[in-house]
Amino acid sequence: MAKVVYKIVKHENGWAYKARGTFSETFPTHEAAVAAAKAAAAEQRVPGETVGIEYETADGIWHEELDPGSDRPETSVEDEK
């Protein structure tokens, strides 16, 4: 199972969370960033629908798969403050 960690960090004169190398929007307070990170982490765990997906790999081959909506990552929020 995949794991997504939301880290609370100082960012652009405020606070943000960072997950998989990407920053969220900047929040004016530490508390607002923590609340947003917790909401995003909880949303990632919500199951979705089972859907068919198609994608092309680097070698130019197309693939079709059935993606179960129950395959959700484990999430956590890390706050170093």
PDB file of N, CA and C in Angstrom:
ATOM      1  N   MET A   1       0.841  -1.170   0.000  1.00  0.00           N
ATOM      2  CA  MET A   1       0.000   0.000   0.000  1.00  0.00           C
ATOM      3  C   MET A   1       0.892   1.242   0.000  1.00  0.00           C
ATOM      4  N   ALA A   2       0.506   2.231  -0.760  1.00  0.00           N
ATOM      5  CA  ALA A   2       1.245   3.488  -0.825  1.00  0.00           C
ATOM      6  C   ALA A   2       1.008   4.305   0.439  1.00  0.00           C
ATOM      7  N   LYS A   3       1.970   5.161   0.750  1.00  0.00           N
ATOM      8  CA  LYS A   3       1.821   6.039   1.903  1.00  0.00           C
ATOM      9  C   LYS A   3       2.099   7.466   1.457  1.00  0.00           C
ATOM     10  N   VAL A   4       1.230   8.388   1.837  1.00  0.00           N
ATOM     11  CA  VAL A   4       1.403   9.799   1.538  1.00  0.00           C
ATOM     12  C   VAL A   4       1.559  10.537   2.856  1.00  0.00           C
ATOM     13  N   VAL A   5       2.677  11.263   2.999  1.00  0.00           N
ATOM     14  CA  VAL A   5       2.952  12.017   4.217  1.00  0.00           C
ATOM     15  C   VAL A   5       2.807  13.503   3.905  1.00  0.00           C
ATOM     16  N   TYR A   6       2.015  14.185   4.690  1.00  0.00           N
ATOM     17  CA  TYR A   6       1.818  15.627   4.566  1.00  0.00           C
ATOM     18  C   TYR A   6       2.666  16.290   5.646  1.00  0.00           C
ATOM     19  N   LYS A   7       3.704  17.028   5.231  1.00  0.00           N
ATOM     20  CA  LYS A   7       4.601  17.677   6.190  1.00  0.00           C
ATOM     21  C   LYS A   7       4.286  19.157   6.269  1.00  0.00           C
ATOM     22  N   ILE A   8       4.141  19.663   7.483  1.00  0.00           N
ATOM     23  CA  ILE A   8       3.871  21.077   7.710  1.00  0.00           C
ATOM     24  C   ILE A   8       5.212  21.809   7.657  1.00  0.00           C
ATOM     25  N   VAL A   9       5.289  22.859   6.802  1.00  0.00           N
ATOM     26  CA  VAL A   9       6.545  23.590   6.616  1.00  0.00           C
ATOM     27  C   VAL A   9       6.282  25.088   6.521  1.00  0.00           C
ATOM     28  N   LYS A  10       7.301  25.885   6.867  1.00  0.00           N
ATOM     29  CA  LYS A  10       7.229  27.328   6.626  1.00  0.00           C
ATOM     30  C   LYS A  10       7.358  27.523   5.121  1.00  0.00           C
ATOM     31  N   HIS A  11       6.550  28.460   4.577  1.00  0.00           N
ATOM     32  CA  HIS A  11       6.558  28.653   3.124  1.00  0.00           C
ATOM     33  C   HIS A  11       6.028  30.041   2.778  1.00  0.00           C
ATOM     34  N   GLU A  12       6.794  30.807   2.025  1.00  0.00           N
ATOM     35  CA  GLU A  12       6.382  32.123   1.518  1.00  0.00           C
ATOM     36  C   GLU A  12       5.695  32.993   2.563  1.00  0.00           C
ATOM     37  N   ASN A  13       6.383  33.326   3.617  1.00  0.00           N
ATOM     38  CA  ASN A  13       5.860  34.190   4.682  1.00  0.00           C
ATOM     39  C   ASN A  13       4.622  33.631   5.383  1.00  0.00           C
ATOM     40  N   GLY A  14       4.494  32.331   5.390  1.00  0.00           N
ATOM     41  CA  GLY A  14       3.372  31.688   6.065  1.00  0.00           C
ATOM     42  C   GLY A  14       3.683  30.225   6.271  1.00  0.00           C
ATOM     43  N   TRP A  15       2.660  29.405   6.199  1.00  0.00           N
ATOM     44  CA  TRP A  15       2.787  27.972   6.412  1.00  0.00           C
ATOM     45  C   TRP A  15       2.096  27.215   5.281  1.00  0.00           C
ATOM     46  N   ALA A  16       2.581  26.020   5.003  1.00  0.00           N
ATOM     47  CA  ALA A  16       1.984  25.170   3.970  1.00  0.00           C
ATOM     48  C   ALA A  16       2.178  23.728   4.385  1.00  0.00           C
ATOM     49  N   TYR A  17       1.606  22.823   3.620  1.00  0.00           N
ATOM     50  CA  TYR A  17       1.967  21.416   3.771  1.00  0.00           C
ATOM     51  C   TYR A  17       2.582  20.969   2.463  1.00  0.00           C
ATOM     52  N   LYS A  18       3.459  19.989   2.565  1.00  0.00           N
ATOM     53  CA  LYS A  18       4.169  19.477   1.406  1.00  0.00           C
ATOM     54  C   LYS A  18       3.953  17.971   1.352  1.00  0.00           C
ATOM     55  N   ALA A  19       3.539  17.481   0.184  1.00  0.00           N
ATOM     56  CA  ALA A  19       3.324  16.051  -0.001  1.00  0.00           C
ATOM     57  C   ALA A  19       3.879  15.647  -1.357  1.00  0.00           C
ATOM     58  N   ARG A  20       4.690  14.595  -1.354  1.00  0.00           N
ATOM     59  CA  ARG A  20       5.297  14.090  -2.592  1.00  0.00           C
ATOM     60  C   ARG A  20       6.000  15.183  -3.388  1.00  0.00           C
ATOM     61  N   GLY A  21       6.667  16.093  -2.673  1.00  0.00           N
ATOM     62  CA  GLY A  21       7.452  17.137  -3.320  1.00  0.00           C
ATOM     63  C   GLY A  21       6.676  18.355  -3.773  1.00  0.00           C
ATOM     64  N   THR A  22       5.385  18.403  -3.517  1.00  0.00           N
ATOM     65  CA  THR A  22       4.557  19.517  -3.962  1.00  0.00           C
ATOM     66  C   THR A  22       4.020  20.291  -2.765  1.00  0.00           C
ATOM     67  N   PHE A  23       4.110  21.631  -2.843  1.00  0.00           N
ATOM     68  CA  PHE A  23       3.596  22.485  -1.777  1.00  0.00           C
ATOM     69  C   PHE A  23       2.118  22.781  -1.996  1.00  0.00           C
ATOM     70  N   SER A  24       1.402  22.909  -0.896  1.00  0.00           N
ATOM     71  CA  SER A  24       0.020  23.386  -0.942  1.00  0.00           C
ATOM     72  C   SER A  24       0.057  24.897  -1.125  1.00  0.00           C
ATOM     73  N   GLU A  25      -1.118  25.498  -1.110  1.00  0.00           N
ATOM     74  CA  GLU A  25      -1.176  26.948  -1.043  1.00  0.00           C
ATOM     75  C   GLU A  25      -0.582  27.382   0.290  1.00  0.00           C
ATOM     76  N   THR A  26      -0.237  28.647   0.401  1.00  0.00           N
ATOM     77  CA  THR A  26       0.310  29.173   1.652  1.00  0.00           C
ATOM     78  C   THR A  26      -0.832  29.629   2.552  1.00  0.00           C
ATOM     79  N   PHE A  27      -0.739  29.263   3.820  1.00  0.00           N
ATOM     80  CA  PHE A  27      -1.741  29.634   4.816  1.00  0.00           C
ATOM     81  C   PHE A  27      -1.128  30.656   5.766  1.00  0.00           C
ATOM     82  N   PRO A  28      -1.938  31.578   6.280  1.00  0.00           N
ATOM     83  CA  PRO A  28      -1.378  32.626   7.138  1.00  0.00           C
ATOM     84  C   PRO A  28      -0.916  32.129   8.502  1.00  0.00           C
ATOM     85  N   THR A  29      -1.479  31.014   8.973  1.00  0.00           N
ATOM     86  CA  THR A  29      -1.107  30.517  10.299  1.00  0.00           C
ATOM     87  C   THR A  29      -0.715  29.040  10.232  1.00  0.00           C
ATOM     88  N   HIS A  30       0.045  28.651  11.206  1.00  0.00           N
ATOM     89  CA  HIS A  30       0.443  27.261  11.353  1.00  0.00           C
ATOM     90  C   HIS A  30      -0.792  26.379  11.538  1.00  0.00           C
ATOM     91  N   GLU A  31      -1.717  26.837  12.367  1.00  0.00           N
ATOM     92  CA  GLU A  31      -2.927  26.064  12.661  1.00  0.00           C
ATOM     93  C   GLU A  31      -3.762  25.826  11.401  1.00  0.00           C
ATOM     94  N   ALA A  32      -3.842  26.827  10.529  1.00  0.00           N
ATOM     95  CA  ALA A  32      -4.608  26.684   9.291  1.00  0.00           C
ATOM     96  C   ALA A  32      -3.954  25.655   8.367  1.00  0.00           C
ATOM     97  N   ALA A  33      -2.630  25.640   8.322  1.00  0.00           N
ATOM     98  CA  ALA A  33      -1.921  24.666   7.495  1.00  0.00           C
ATOM     99  C   ALA A  33      -2.120  23.250   8.023  1.00  0.00           C
ATOM    100  N   VAL A  34      -2.082  23.086   9.332  1.00  0.00           N
ATOM    101  CA  VAL A  34      -2.311  21.770   9.941  1.00  0.00           C
ATOM    102  C   VAL A  34      -3.722  21.282   9.636  1.00  0.00           C
ATOM    103  N   ALA A  35      -4.703  22.155   9.786  1.00  0.00           N
ATOM    104  CA  ALA A  35      -6.092  21.774   9.508  1.00  0.00           C
ATOM    105  C   ALA A  35      -6.272  21.380   8.050  1.00  0.00           C
ATOM    106  N   ALA A  36      -5.654  22.118   7.139  1.00  0.00           N
ATOM    107  CA  ALA A  36      -5.761  21.808   5.710  1.00  0.00           C
ATOM    108  C   ALA A  36      -5.072  20.482   5.387  1.00  0.00           C
ATOM    109  N   ALA A  37      -3.927  20.237   5.996  1.00  0.00           N
ATOM    110  CA  ALA A  37      -3.208  18.977   5.773  1.00  0.00           C
ATOM    111  C   ALA A  37      -4.021  17.787   6.284  1.00  0.00           C
ATOM    112  N   LYS A  38      -4.640  17.943   7.445  1.00  0.00           N
ATOM    113  CA  LYS A  38      -5.474  16.863   7.992  1.00  0.00           C
ATOM    114  C   LYS A  38      -6.672  16.595   7.092  1.00  0.00           C
ATOM    115  N   ALA A  39      -7.266  17.650   6.547  1.00  0.00           N
ATOM    116  CA  ALA A  39      -8.403  17.477   5.637  1.00  0.00           C
ATOM    117  C   ALA A  39      -7.970  16.780   4.347  1.00  0.00           C
ATOM    118  N   ALA A  40      -6.831  17.184   3.796  1.00  0.00           N
ATOM    119  CA  ALA A  40      -6.332  16.566   2.567  1.00  0.00           C
ATOM    120  C   ALA A  40      -5.984  15.098   2.805  1.00  0.00           C
ATOM    121  N   ALA A  41      -5.368  14.800   3.938  1.00  0.00           N
ATOM    122  CA  ALA A  41      -5.005  13.420   4.260  1.00  0.00           C
ATOM    123  C   ALA A  41      -6.248  12.548   4.401  1.00  0.00           C
ATOM    124  N   ALA A  42      -7.274  13.076   5.053  1.00  0.00           N
ATOM    125  CA  ALA A  42      -8.517  12.318   5.223  1.00  0.00           C
ATOM    126  C   ALA A  42      -9.199  12.086   3.883  1.00  0.00           C
ATOM    127  N   GLU A  43      -9.166  13.077   3.014  1.00  0.00           N
ATOM    128  CA  GLU A  43      -9.798  12.956   1.700  1.00  0.00           C
ATOM    129  C   GLU A  43      -9.117  11.882   0.843  1.00  0.00           C
ATOM    130  N   GLN A  44      -7.818  11.749   0.984  1.00  0.00           N
ATOM    131  CA  GLN A  44      -7.080  10.734   0.221  1.00  0.00           C
ATOM    132  C   GLN A  44      -7.504   9.312   0.579  1.00  0.00           C
ATOM    133  N   ARG A  45      -7.995   9.120   1.793  1.00  0.00           N
ATOM    134  CA  ARG A  45      -8.368   7.781   2.252  1.00  0.00           C
ATOM    135  C   ARG A  45      -9.787   7.370   1.866  1.00  0.00           C
ATOM    136  N   VAL A  46     -10.571   8.297   1.323  1.00  0.00           N
ATOM    137  CA  VAL A  46     -11.965   8.009   0.972  1.00  0.00           C
ATOM    138  C   VAL A  46     -12.011   7.142  -0.281  1.00  0.00           C
ATOM    139  N   PRO A  47     -12.686   5.987  -0.209  1.00  0.00           N
ATOM    140  CA  PRO A  47     -12.789   5.128  -1.392  1.00  0.00           C
ATOM    141  C   PRO A  47     -13.582   5.808  -2.499  1.00  0.00           C
ATOM    142  N   GLY A  48     -13.260   5.451  -3.719  1.00  0.00           N
ATOM    143  CA  GLY A  48     -13.968   5.984  -4.879  1.00  0.00           C
ATOM    144  C   GLY A  48     -14.612   4.855  -5.662  1.00  0.00           C
ATOM    145  N   GLU A  49     -14.947   5.138  -6.895  1.00  0.00           N
ATOM    146  CA  GLU A  49     -15.563   4.145  -7.762  1.00  0.00           C
ATOM    147  C   GLU A  49     -14.498   3.286  -8.433  1.00  0.00           C
ATOM    148  N   THR A  50     -14.868   2.069  -8.792  1.00  0.00           N
ATOM    149  CA  THR A  50     -14.002   1.237  -9.614  1.00  0.00           C
ATOM    150  C   THR A  50     -14.183   1.697 -11.061  1.00  0.00           C
ATOM    151  N   VAL A  51     -13.066   2.041 -11.705  1.00  0.00           N
ATOM    152  CA  VAL A  51     -13.126   2.562 -13.069  1.00  0.00           C
ATOM    153  C   VAL A  51     -12.042   1.918 -13.932  1.00  0.00           C
ATOM    154  N   GLY A  52     -12.292   1.893 -15.229  1.00  0.00           N
ATOM    155  CA  GLY A  52     -11.285   1.447 -16.180  1.00  0.00           C
ATOM    156  C   GLY A  52     -10.376   2.612 -16.519  1.00  0.00           C
ATOM    157  N   ILE A  53      -9.082   2.355 -16.577  1.00  0.00           N
ATOM    158  CA  ILE A  53      -8.124   3.399 -16.947  1.00  0.00           C
ATOM    159  C   ILE A  53      -7.263   2.909 -18.104  1.00  0.00           C
ATOM    160  N   GLU A  54      -6.794   3.850 -18.908  1.00  0.00           N
ATOM    161  CA  GLU A  54      -5.866   3.569 -19.996  1.00  0.00           C
ATOM    162  C   GLU A  54      -4.670   4.493 -19.829  1.00  0.00           C
ATOM    163  N   TYR A  55      -3.474   3.959 -20.103  1.00  0.00           N
ATOM    164  CA  TYR A  55      -2.282   4.801 -20.035  1.00  0.00           C
ATOM    165  C   TYR A  55      -1.228   4.253 -20.984  1.00  0.00           C
ATOM    166  N   GLU A  56      -0.329   5.151 -21.398  1.00  0.00           N
ATOM    167  CA  GLU A  56       0.751   4.785 -22.307  1.00  0.00           C
ATOM    168  C   GLU A  56       2.067   4.815 -21.546  1.00  0.00           C
ATOM    169  N   THR A  57       2.863   3.769 -21.677  1.00  0.00           N
ATOM    170  CA  THR A  57       4.174   3.727 -21.035  1.00  0.00           C
ATOM    171  C   THR A  57       5.213   4.388 -21.937  1.00  0.00           C
ATOM    172  N   ALA A  58       6.395   4.618 -21.387  1.00  0.00           N
ATOM    173  CA  ALA A  58       7.462   5.309 -22.116  1.00  0.00           C
ATOM    174  C   ALA A  58       7.832   4.613 -23.420  1.00  0.00           C
ATOM    175  N   ASP A  59       7.602   3.308 -23.504  1.00  0.00           N
ATOM    176  CA  ASP A  59       7.945   2.576 -24.731  1.00  0.00           C
ATOM    177  C   ASP A  59       6.833   2.628 -25.787  1.00  0.00           C
ATOM    178  N   GLY A  60       5.788   3.441 -25.541  1.00  0.00           N
ATOM    179  CA  GLY A  60       4.729   3.638 -26.520  1.00  0.00           C
ATOM    180  C   GLY A  60       3.624   2.601 -26.495  1.00  0.00           C
ATOM    181  N   ILE A  61       3.621   1.725 -25.507  1.00  0.00           N
ATOM    182  CA  ILE A  61       2.594   0.678 -25.416  1.00  0.00           C
ATOM    183  C   ILE A  61       1.452   1.167 -24.524  1.00  0.00           C
ATOM    184  N   TRP A  62       0.220   0.972 -25.038  1.00  0.00           N
ATOM    185  CA  TRP A  62      -0.965   1.349 -24.278  1.00  0.00           C
ATOM    186  C   TRP A  62      -1.419   0.183 -23.415  1.00  0.00           C
ATOM    187  N   HIS A  63      -1.877   0.498 -22.215  1.00  0.00           N
ATOM    188  CA  HIS A  63      -2.342  -0.510 -21.264  1.00  0.00           C
ATOM    189  C   HIS A  63      -3.747  -0.140 -20.791  1.00  0.00           C
ATOM    190  N   GLU A  64      -4.546  -1.168 -20.504  1.00  0.00           N
ATOM    191  CA  GLU A  64      -5.873  -0.977 -19.915  1.00  0.00           C
ATOM    192  C   GLU A  64      -5.910  -1.746 -18.605  1.00  0.00           C
ATOM    193  N   GLU A  65      -6.429  -1.100 -17.570  1.00  0.00           N
ATOM    194  CA  GLU A  65      -6.546  -1.733 -16.260  1.00  0.00           C
ATOM    195  C   GLU A  65      -7.869  -1.348 -15.613  1.00  0.00           C
ATOM    196  N   LEU A  66      -8.266  -2.154 -14.679  1.00  0.00           N
ATOM    197  CA  LEU A  66      -9.423  -1.842 -13.844  1.00  0.00           C
ATOM    198  C   LEU A  66      -8.872  -1.349 -12.510  1.00  0.00           C
ATOM    199  N   ASP A  67      -9.173  -0.120 -12.168  1.00  0.00           N
ATOM    200  CA  ASP A  67      -8.669   0.487 -10.940  1.00  0.00           C
ATOM    201  C   ASP A  67      -9.747   0.435  -9.856  1.00  0.00           C
ATOM    202  N   PRO A  68      -9.533  -0.404  -8.835  1.00  0.00           N
ATOM    203  CA  PRO A  68     -10.538  -0.481  -7.773  1.00  0.00           C
ATOM    204  C   PRO A  68     -10.520   0.790  -6.924  1.00  0.00           C
ATOM    205  N   GLY A  69     -11.652   1.353  -6.677  1.00  0.00           N
ATOM    206  CA  GLY A  69     -11.738   2.572  -5.885  1.00  0.00           C
ATOM    207  C   GLY A  69     -11.349   2.372  -4.437  1.00  0.00           C
ATOM    208  N   SER A  70     -11.186   1.129  -4.023  1.00  0.00           N
ATOM    209  CA  SER A  70     -10.830   0.847  -2.629  1.00  0.00           C
ATOM    210  C   SER A  70      -9.323   0.870  -2.392  1.00  0.00           C
ATOM    211  N   ASP A  71      -8.534   1.025  -3.442  1.00  0.00           N
ATOM    212  CA  ASP A  71      -7.075   1.018  -3.343  1.00  0.00           C
ATOM    213  C   ASP A  71      -6.584   2.413  -2.966  1.00  0.00           C
ATOM    214  N   ARG A  72      -6.725   2.781  -1.701  1.00  0.00           N
ATOM    215  CA  ARG A  72      -6.393   4.116  -1.220  1.00  0.00           C
ATOM    216  C   ARG A  72      -5.101   4.079  -0.413  1.00  0.00           C
ATOM    217  N   PRO A  73      -4.331   5.171  -0.422  1.00  0.00           N
ATOM    218  CA  PRO A  73      -3.077   5.182   0.323  1.00  0.00           C
ATOM    219  C   PRO A  73      -3.277   5.368   1.822  1.00  0.00           C
ATOM    220  N   GLU A  74      -2.280   4.975   2.567  1.00  0.00           N
ATOM    221  CA  GLU A  74      -2.205   5.302   3.986  1.00  0.00           C
ATOM    222  C   GLU A  74      -1.698   6.738   4.054  1.00  0.00           C
ATOM    223  N   THR A  75      -2.218   7.556   4.940  1.00  0.00           N
ATOM    224  CA  THR A  75      -1.790   8.949   5.037  1.00  0.00           C
ATOM    225  C   THR A  75      -1.444   9.323   6.473  1.00  0.00           C
ATOM    226  N   SER A  76      -0.584  10.344   6.584  1.00  0.00           N
ATOM    227  CA  SER A  76      -0.263  10.883   7.901  1.00  0.00           C
ATOM    228  C   SER A  76       0.140  12.346   7.747  1.00  0.00           C
ATOM    229  N   VAL A  77       0.096  13.075   8.858  1.00  0.00           N
ATOM    230  CA  VAL A  77       0.509  14.473   8.897  1.00  0.00           C
ATOM    231  C   VAL A  77       1.673  14.568   9.872  1.00  0.00           C
ATOM    232  N   GLU A  78       2.772  15.162   9.411  1.00  0.00           N
ATOM    233  CA  GLU A  78       3.950  15.363  10.261  1.00  0.00           C
ATOM    234  C   GLU A  78       4.138  16.842  10.485  1.00  0.00           C
ATOM    235  N   ASP A  79       4.265  17.214  11.739  1.00  0.00           N
ATOM    236  CA  ASP A  79       4.433  18.611  12.116  1.00  0.00           C
ATOM    237  C   ASP A  79       5.687  18.727  12.956  1.00  0.00           C
ATOM    238  N   GLU A  80       6.694  19.406  12.417  1.00  0.00           N
ATOM    239  CA  GLU A  80       7.971  19.516  13.112  1.00  0.00           C
ATOM    240  C   GLU A  80       8.027  20.700  14.069  1.00  0.00           C
ATOM    241  N   LYS A  81       6.949  21.461  14.167  1.00  0.00           N
ATOM    242  CA  LYS A  81       6.946  22.625  15.054  1.00  0.00           C
ATOM    243  C   LYS A  81       6.940  22.207  16.497  1.00  0.00           C
TER     244      LYS A  81
END
